């Protein structure tokens, strides 16, 4: 199984950020933004298999 990564570049430096795998189906996840509810506007990782799989990982702001 491959591990997906995102390469973020800022100020001529690169930080490697690992994308989490789905806690329910171990599939790939994609960064999304909540459109409704108590967490409206906040980022989270949702499973790419949605709606068959509803695995979610919250993004923690540093």
PDB file of N, CA and C in Angstrom:
ATOM      1  N   UNK A   1       0.850  -1.182   0.000  1.00  0.00           N
ATOM      2  CA  UNK A   1       0.000   0.000   0.000  1.00  0.00           C
ATOM      3  C   UNK A   1       0.888   1.235   0.000  1.00  0.00           C
ATOM      4  N   UNK A   2       0.589   2.175  -0.886  1.00  0.00           N
ATOM      5  CA  UNK A   2       1.373   3.395  -0.981  1.00  0.00           C
ATOM      6  C   UNK A   2       0.948   4.400   0.076  1.00  0.00           C
ATOM      7  N   UNK A   3       1.907   5.233   0.490  1.00  0.00           N
ATOM      8  CA  UNK A   3       1.621   6.304   1.423  1.00  0.00           C
ATOM      9  C   UNK A   3       1.608   7.595   0.632  1.00  0.00           C
ATOM     10  N   UNK A   4       0.495   8.331   0.671  1.00  0.00           N
ATOM     11  CA  UNK A   4       0.375   9.593  -0.044  1.00  0.00           C
ATOM     12  C   UNK A   4       1.032  10.695   0.754  1.00  0.00           C
ATOM     13  N   UNK A   5       1.648  11.629   0.062  1.00  0.00           N
ATOM     14  CA  UNK A   5       2.265  12.758   0.730  1.00  0.00           C
ATOM     15  C   UNK A   5       1.956  14.039  -0.021  1.00  0.00           C
ATOM     16  N   UNK A   6       2.016  15.151   0.681  1.00  0.00           N
ATOM     17  CA  UNK A   6       1.849  16.473   0.096  1.00  0.00           C
ATOM     18  C   UNK A   6       3.148  17.230   0.337  1.00  0.00           C
ATOM     19  N   UNK A   7       3.626  17.924  -0.665  1.00  0.00           N
ATOM     20  CA  UNK A   7       4.831  18.716  -0.532  1.00  0.00           C
ATOM     21  C   UNK A   7       4.426  20.174  -0.486  1.00  0.00           C
ATOM     22  N   UNK A   8       4.627  20.809   0.664  1.00  0.00           N
ATOM     23  CA  UNK A   8       4.282  22.218   0.824  1.00  0.00           C
ATOM     24  C   UNK A   8       5.563  23.040   0.751  1.00  0.00           C
ATOM     25  N   UNK A   9       5.544  24.073  -0.082  1.00  0.00           N
ATOM     26  CA  UNK A   9       6.731  24.898  -0.281  1.00  0.00           C
ATOM     27  C   UNK A   9       6.422  26.318   0.156  1.00  0.00           C
ATOM     28  N   UNK A  10       7.278  26.864   1.018  1.00  0.00           N
ATOM     29  CA  UNK A  10       7.138  28.253   1.438  1.00  0.00           C
ATOM     30  C   UNK A  10       8.505  28.788   1.815  1.00  0.00           C
ATOM     31  N   UNK A  11       8.808  29.972   1.383  1.00  0.00           N
ATOM     32  CA  UNK A  11      10.100  30.614   1.668  1.00  0.00           C
ATOM     33  C   UNK A  11      11.280  29.731   1.278  1.00  0.00           C
ATOM     34  N   UNK A  12      11.196  29.104   0.108  1.00  0.00           N
ATOM     35  CA  UNK A  12      12.276  28.280  -0.430  1.00  0.00           C
ATOM     36  C   UNK A  12      12.625  27.072   0.437  1.00  0.00           C
ATOM     37  N   UNK A  13      11.705  26.645   1.298  1.00  0.00           N
ATOM     38  CA  UNK A  13      11.907  25.428   2.083  1.00  0.00           C
ATOM     39  C   UNK A  13      10.715  24.509   1.838  1.00  0.00           C
ATOM     40  N   UNK A  14      10.904  23.235   1.983  1.00  0.00           N
ATOM     41  CA  UNK A  14       9.826  22.277   1.762  1.00  0.00           C
ATOM     42  C   UNK A  14       9.610  21.445   3.019  1.00  0.00           C
ATOM     43  N   UNK A  15       8.363  21.293   3.404  1.00  0.00           N
ATOM     44  CA  UNK A  15       7.985  20.461   4.540  1.00  0.00           C
ATOM     45  C   UNK A  15       7.161  19.302   4.005  1.00  0.00           C
ATOM     46  N   UNK A  16       7.488  18.091   4.413  1.00  0.00           N
ATOM     47  CA  UNK A  16       6.761  16.911   3.978  1.00  0.00           C
ATOM     48  C   UNK A  16       5.634  16.642   4.974  1.00  0.00           C
ATOM     49  N   UNK A  17       4.389  16.662   4.497  1.00  0.00           N
ATOM     50  CA  UNK A  17       3.227  16.457   5.344  1.00  0.00           C
ATOM     51  C   UNK A  17       2.561  15.166   4.899  1.00  0.00           C
ATOM     52  N   UNK A  18       2.347  14.250   5.831  1.00  0.00           N
ATOM     53  CA  UNK A  18       1.756  12.962   5.500  1.00  0.00           C
ATOM     54  C   UNK A  18       0.237  13.042   5.566  1.00  0.00           C
ATOM     55  N   UNK A  19      -0.426  12.522   4.524  1.00  0.00           N
ATOM     56  CA  UNK A  19      -1.879  12.459   4.500  1.00  0.00           C
ATOM     57  C   UNK A  19      -2.296  11.192   5.247  1.00  0.00           C
ATOM     58  N   UNK A  20      -3.242  11.316   6.180  1.00  0.00           N
ATOM     59  CA  UNK A  20      -3.646  10.123   6.941  1.00  0.00           C
ATOM     60  C   UNK A  20      -4.409   9.123   6.079  1.00  0.00           C
ATOM     61  N   UNK A  21      -4.430   7.872   6.524  1.00  0.00           N
ATOM     62  CA  UNK A  21      -5.261   6.855   5.884  1.00  0.00           C
ATOM     63  C   UNK A  21      -6.564   6.768   6.656  1.00  0.00           C
ATOM     64  N   UNK A  22      -7.597   6.307   5.994  1.00  0.00           N
ATOM     65  CA  UNK A  22      -8.928   6.216   6.607  1.00  0.00           C
ATOM     66  C   UNK A  22      -8.919   5.230   7.778  1.00  0.00           C
ATOM     67  N   UNK A  23      -9.428   5.650   8.935  1.00  0.00           N
ATOM     68  CA  UNK A  23      -9.455   4.753  10.092  1.00  0.00           C
ATOM     69  C   UNK A  23     -10.460   3.602   9.944  1.00  0.00           C
ATOM     70  N   UNK A  24     -11.400   3.707   9.001  1.00  0.00           N
ATOM     71  CA  UNK A  24     -12.403   2.653   8.825  1.00  0.00           C
ATOM     72  C   UNK A  24     -12.030   1.658   7.735  1.00  0.00           C
ATOM     73  N   UNK A  25     -11.591   2.160   6.557  1.00  0.00           N
ATOM     74  CA  UNK A  25     -11.333   1.255   5.427  1.00  0.00           C
ATOM     75  C   UNK A  25      -9.872   1.249   4.980  1.00  0.00           C
ATOM     76  N   UNK A  26      -9.030   2.039   5.615  1.00  0.00           N
ATOM     77  CA  UNK A  26      -7.601   2.150   5.280  1.00  0.00           C
ATOM     78  C   UNK A  26      -7.363   2.692   3.869  1.00  0.00           C
ATOM     79  N   UNK A  27      -8.367   3.403   3.332  1.00  0.00           N
ATOM     80  CA  UNK A  27      -8.253   4.009   2.009  1.00  0.00           C
ATOM     81  C   UNK A  27      -7.594   5.380   2.072  1.00  0.00           C
ATOM     82  N   UNK A  28      -7.507   6.038   0.912  1.00  0.00           N
ATOM     83  CA  UNK A  28      -6.939   7.383   0.843  1.00  0.00           C
ATOM     84  C   UNK A  28      -7.929   8.391   1.412  1.00  0.00           C
ATOM     85  N   UNK A  29      -7.398   9.519   1.870  1.00  0.00           N
ATOM     86  CA  UNK A  29      -8.236  10.594   2.387  1.00  0.00           C
ATOM     87  C   UNK A  29      -7.912  11.867   1.631  1.00  0.00           C
ATOM     88  N   UNK A  30      -8.853  12.807   1.651  1.00  0.00           N
ATOM     89  CA  UNK A  30      -8.691  14.080   0.975  1.00  0.00           C
ATOM     90  C   UNK A  30      -9.084  15.190   1.949  1.00  0.00           C
ATOM     91  N   UNK A  31      -8.375  16.323   1.868  1.00  0.00           N
ATOM     92  CA  UNK A  31      -8.665  17.436   2.766  1.00  0.00           C
ATOM     93  C   UNK A  31      -9.934  18.133   2.289  1.00  0.00           C
ATOM     94  N   UNK A  32     -10.854  18.343   3.223  1.00  0.00           N
ATOM     95  CA  UNK A  32     -12.140  18.974   2.925  1.00  0.00           C
ATOM     96  C   UNK A  32     -12.429  20.057   3.955  1.00  0.00           C
ATOM     97  N   UNK A  33     -13.481  20.845   3.713  1.00  0.00           N
ATOM     98  CA  UNK A  33     -13.913  21.891   4.641  1.00  0.00           C
ATOM     99  C   UNK A  33     -15.380  21.653   4.970  1.00  0.00           C
ATOM    100  N   UNK A  34     -15.712  21.653   6.264  1.00  0.00           N
ATOM    101  CA  UNK A  34     -17.093  21.441   6.706  1.00  0.00           C
ATOM    102  C   UNK A  34     -17.961  22.602   6.231  1.00  0.00           C
ATOM    103  N   UNK A  35     -19.077  22.270   5.586  1.00  0.00           N
ATOM    104  CA  UNK A  35     -19.970  23.291   5.045  1.00  0.00           C
ATOM    105  C   UNK A  35     -21.111  23.643   5.993  1.00  0.00           C
ATOM    106  N   UNK A  36     -21.481  22.707   6.860  1.00  0.00           N
ATOM    107  CA  UNK A  36     -22.573  22.943   7.805  1.00  0.00           C
ATOM    108  C   UNK A  36     -22.213  22.370   9.170  1.00  0.00           C
ATOM    109  N   UNK A  37     -23.043  22.654  10.148  1.00  0.00           N
ATOM    110  CA  UNK A  37     -22.865  22.080  11.481  1.00  0.00           C
ATOM    111  C   UNK A  37     -21.999  22.917  12.390  1.00  0.00           C
ATOM    112  N   UNK A  38     -21.683  22.339  13.541  1.00  0.00           N
ATOM    113  CA  UNK A  38     -20.927  23.042  14.573  1.00  0.00           C
ATOM    114  C   UNK A  38     -19.494  23.355  14.136  1.00  0.00           C
ATOM    115  N   UNK A  39     -18.944  22.575  13.203  1.00  0.00           N
ATOM    116  CA  UNK A  39     -17.565  22.768  12.749  1.00  0.00           C
ATOM    117  C   UNK A  39     -17.498  23.445  11.372  1.00  0.00           C
ATOM    118  N   UNK A  40     -18.505  24.196  11.013  1.00  0.00           N
ATOM    119  CA  UNK A  40     -18.582  24.865   9.721  1.00  0.00           C
ATOM    120  C   UNK A  40     -17.338  25.722   9.490  1.00  0.00           C
ATOM    121  N   UNK A  41     -16.714  25.543   8.317  1.00  0.00           N
ATOM    122  CA  UNK A  41     -15.523  26.305   7.964  1.00  0.00           C
ATOM    123  C   UNK A  41     -14.212  25.669   8.386  1.00  0.00           C
ATOM    124  N   UNK A  42     -14.256  24.631   9.209  1.00  0.00           N
ATOM    125  CA  UNK A  42     -13.038  23.978   9.683  1.00  0.00           C
ATOM    126  C   UNK A  42     -12.624  22.867   8.717  1.00  0.00           C
ATOM    127  N   UNK A  43     -11.310  22.647   8.605  1.00  0.00           N
ATOM    128  CA  UNK A  43     -10.768  21.614   7.725  1.00  0.00           C
ATOM    129  C   UNK A  43     -10.782  20.247   8.402  1.00  0.00           C
ATOM    130  N   UNK A  44     -10.923  19.207   7.584  1.00  0.00           N
ATOM    131  CA  UNK A  44     -10.839  17.834   8.058  1.00  0.00           C
ATOM    132  C   UNK A  44     -10.450  16.952   6.882  1.00  0.00           C
ATOM    133  N   UNK A  45      -9.987  15.737   7.157  1.00  0.00           N
ATOM    134  CA  UNK A  45      -9.719  14.763   6.105  1.00  0.00           C
ATOM    135  C   UNK A  45     -10.898  13.814   6.050  1.00  0.00           C
ATOM    136  N   UNK A  46     -11.471  13.655   4.849  1.00  0.00           N
ATOM    137  CA  UNK A  46     -12.585  12.736   4.634  1.00  0.00           C
ATOM    138  C   UNK A  46     -12.160  11.641   3.671  1.00  0.00           C
ATOM    139  N   UNK A  47     -12.721  10.475   3.820  1.00  0.00           N
ATOM    140  CA  UNK A  47     -12.399   9.336   2.973  1.00  0.00           C
ATOM    141  C   UNK A  47     -12.812   9.611   1.527  1.00  0.00           C
ATOM    142  N   UNK A  48     -11.983   9.202   0.571  1.00  0.00           N
ATOM    143  CA  UNK A  48     -12.313   9.377  -0.840  1.00  0.00           C
ATOM    144  C   UNK A  48     -13.413   8.425  -1.279  1.00  0.00           C
ATOM    145  N   UNK A  49     -13.750   7.438  -0.455  1.00  0.00           N
ATOM    146  CA  UNK A  49     -14.805   6.476  -0.769  1.00  0.00           C
ATOM    147  C   UNK A  49     -16.184   6.935  -0.296  1.00  0.00           C
ATOM    148  N   UNK A  50     -16.297   8.180   0.201  1.00  0.00           N
ATOM    149  CA  UNK A  50     -17.576   8.731   0.646  1.00  0.00           C
ATOM    150  C   UNK A  50     -18.565   8.671  -0.504  1.00  0.00           C
ATOM    151  N   UNK A  51     -19.789   8.272  -0.328  1.00  0.00           N
ATOM    152  CA  UNK A  51     -20.552   8.001   0.886  1.00  0.00           C
ATOM    153  C   UNK A  51     -20.511   6.548   1.367  1.00  0.00           C
ATOM    154  N   UNK A  52     -19.832   5.644   0.632  1.00  0.00           N
ATOM    155  CA  UNK A  52     -19.748   4.250   1.101  1.00  0.00           C
ATOM    156  C   UNK A  52     -19.019   4.156   2.425  1.00  0.00           C
ATOM    157  N   UNK A  53     -17.986   4.965   2.604  1.00  0.00           N
ATOM    158  CA  UNK A  53     -17.224   4.993   3.859  1.00  0.00           C
ATOM    159  C   UNK A  53     -17.261   6.415   4.395  1.00  0.00           C
ATOM    160  N   UNK A  54     -17.552   6.568   5.663  1.00  0.00           N
ATOM    161  CA  UNK A  54     -17.660   7.897   6.262  1.00  0.00           C
ATOM    162  C   UNK A  54     -16.539   8.161   7.275  1.00  0.00           C
ATOM    163  N   UNK A  55     -15.355   7.600   6.998  1.00  0.00           N
ATOM    164  CA  UNK A  55     -14.211   7.833   7.875  1.00  0.00           C
ATOM    165  C   UNK A  55     -13.759   9.283   7.839  1.00  0.00           C
ATOM    166  N   UNK A  56     -13.436   9.841   9.016  1.00  0.00           N
ATOM    167  CA  UNK A  56     -13.054  11.249   9.141  1.00  0.00           C
ATOM    168  C   UNK A  56     -11.873  11.369  10.105  1.00  0.00           C
ATOM    169  N   UNK A  57     -10.937  12.252   9.782  1.00  0.00           N
ATOM    170  CA  UNK A  57      -9.842  12.609  10.686  1.00  0.00           C
ATOM    171  C   UNK A  57      -9.823  14.126  10.772  1.00  0.00           C
ATOM    172  N   UNK A  58      -9.943  14.689  11.973  1.00  0.00           N
ATOM    173  CA  UNK A  58      -9.944  16.139  12.150  1.00  0.00           C
ATOM    174  C   UNK A  58      -8.535  16.695  11.987  1.00  0.00           C
ATOM    175  N   UNK A  59      -8.449  17.902  11.425  1.00  0.00           N
ATOM    176  CA  UNK A  59      -7.184  18.611  11.260  1.00  0.00           C
ATOM    177  C   UNK A  59      -6.980  19.477  12.483  1.00  0.00           C
ATOM    178  N   UNK A  60      -5.818  19.349  13.118  1.00  0.00           N
ATOM    179  CA  UNK A  60      -5.500  20.134  14.308  1.00  0.00           C
ATOM    180  C   UNK A  60      -4.653  21.318  13.884  1.00  0.00           C
ATOM    181  N   UNK A  61      -5.107  22.520  14.164  1.00  0.00           N
ATOM    182  CA  UNK A  61      -4.364  23.737  13.823  1.00  0.00           C
ATOM    183  C   UNK A  61      -3.203  23.906  14.791  1.00  0.00           C
ATOM    184  N   UNK A  62      -2.029  24.167  14.236  1.00  0.00           N
ATOM    185  CA  UNK A  62      -0.838  24.363  15.084  1.00  0.00           C
ATOM    186  C   UNK A  62      -0.561  25.814  15.292  1.00  0.00           C
TER     187      UNK A  62
END
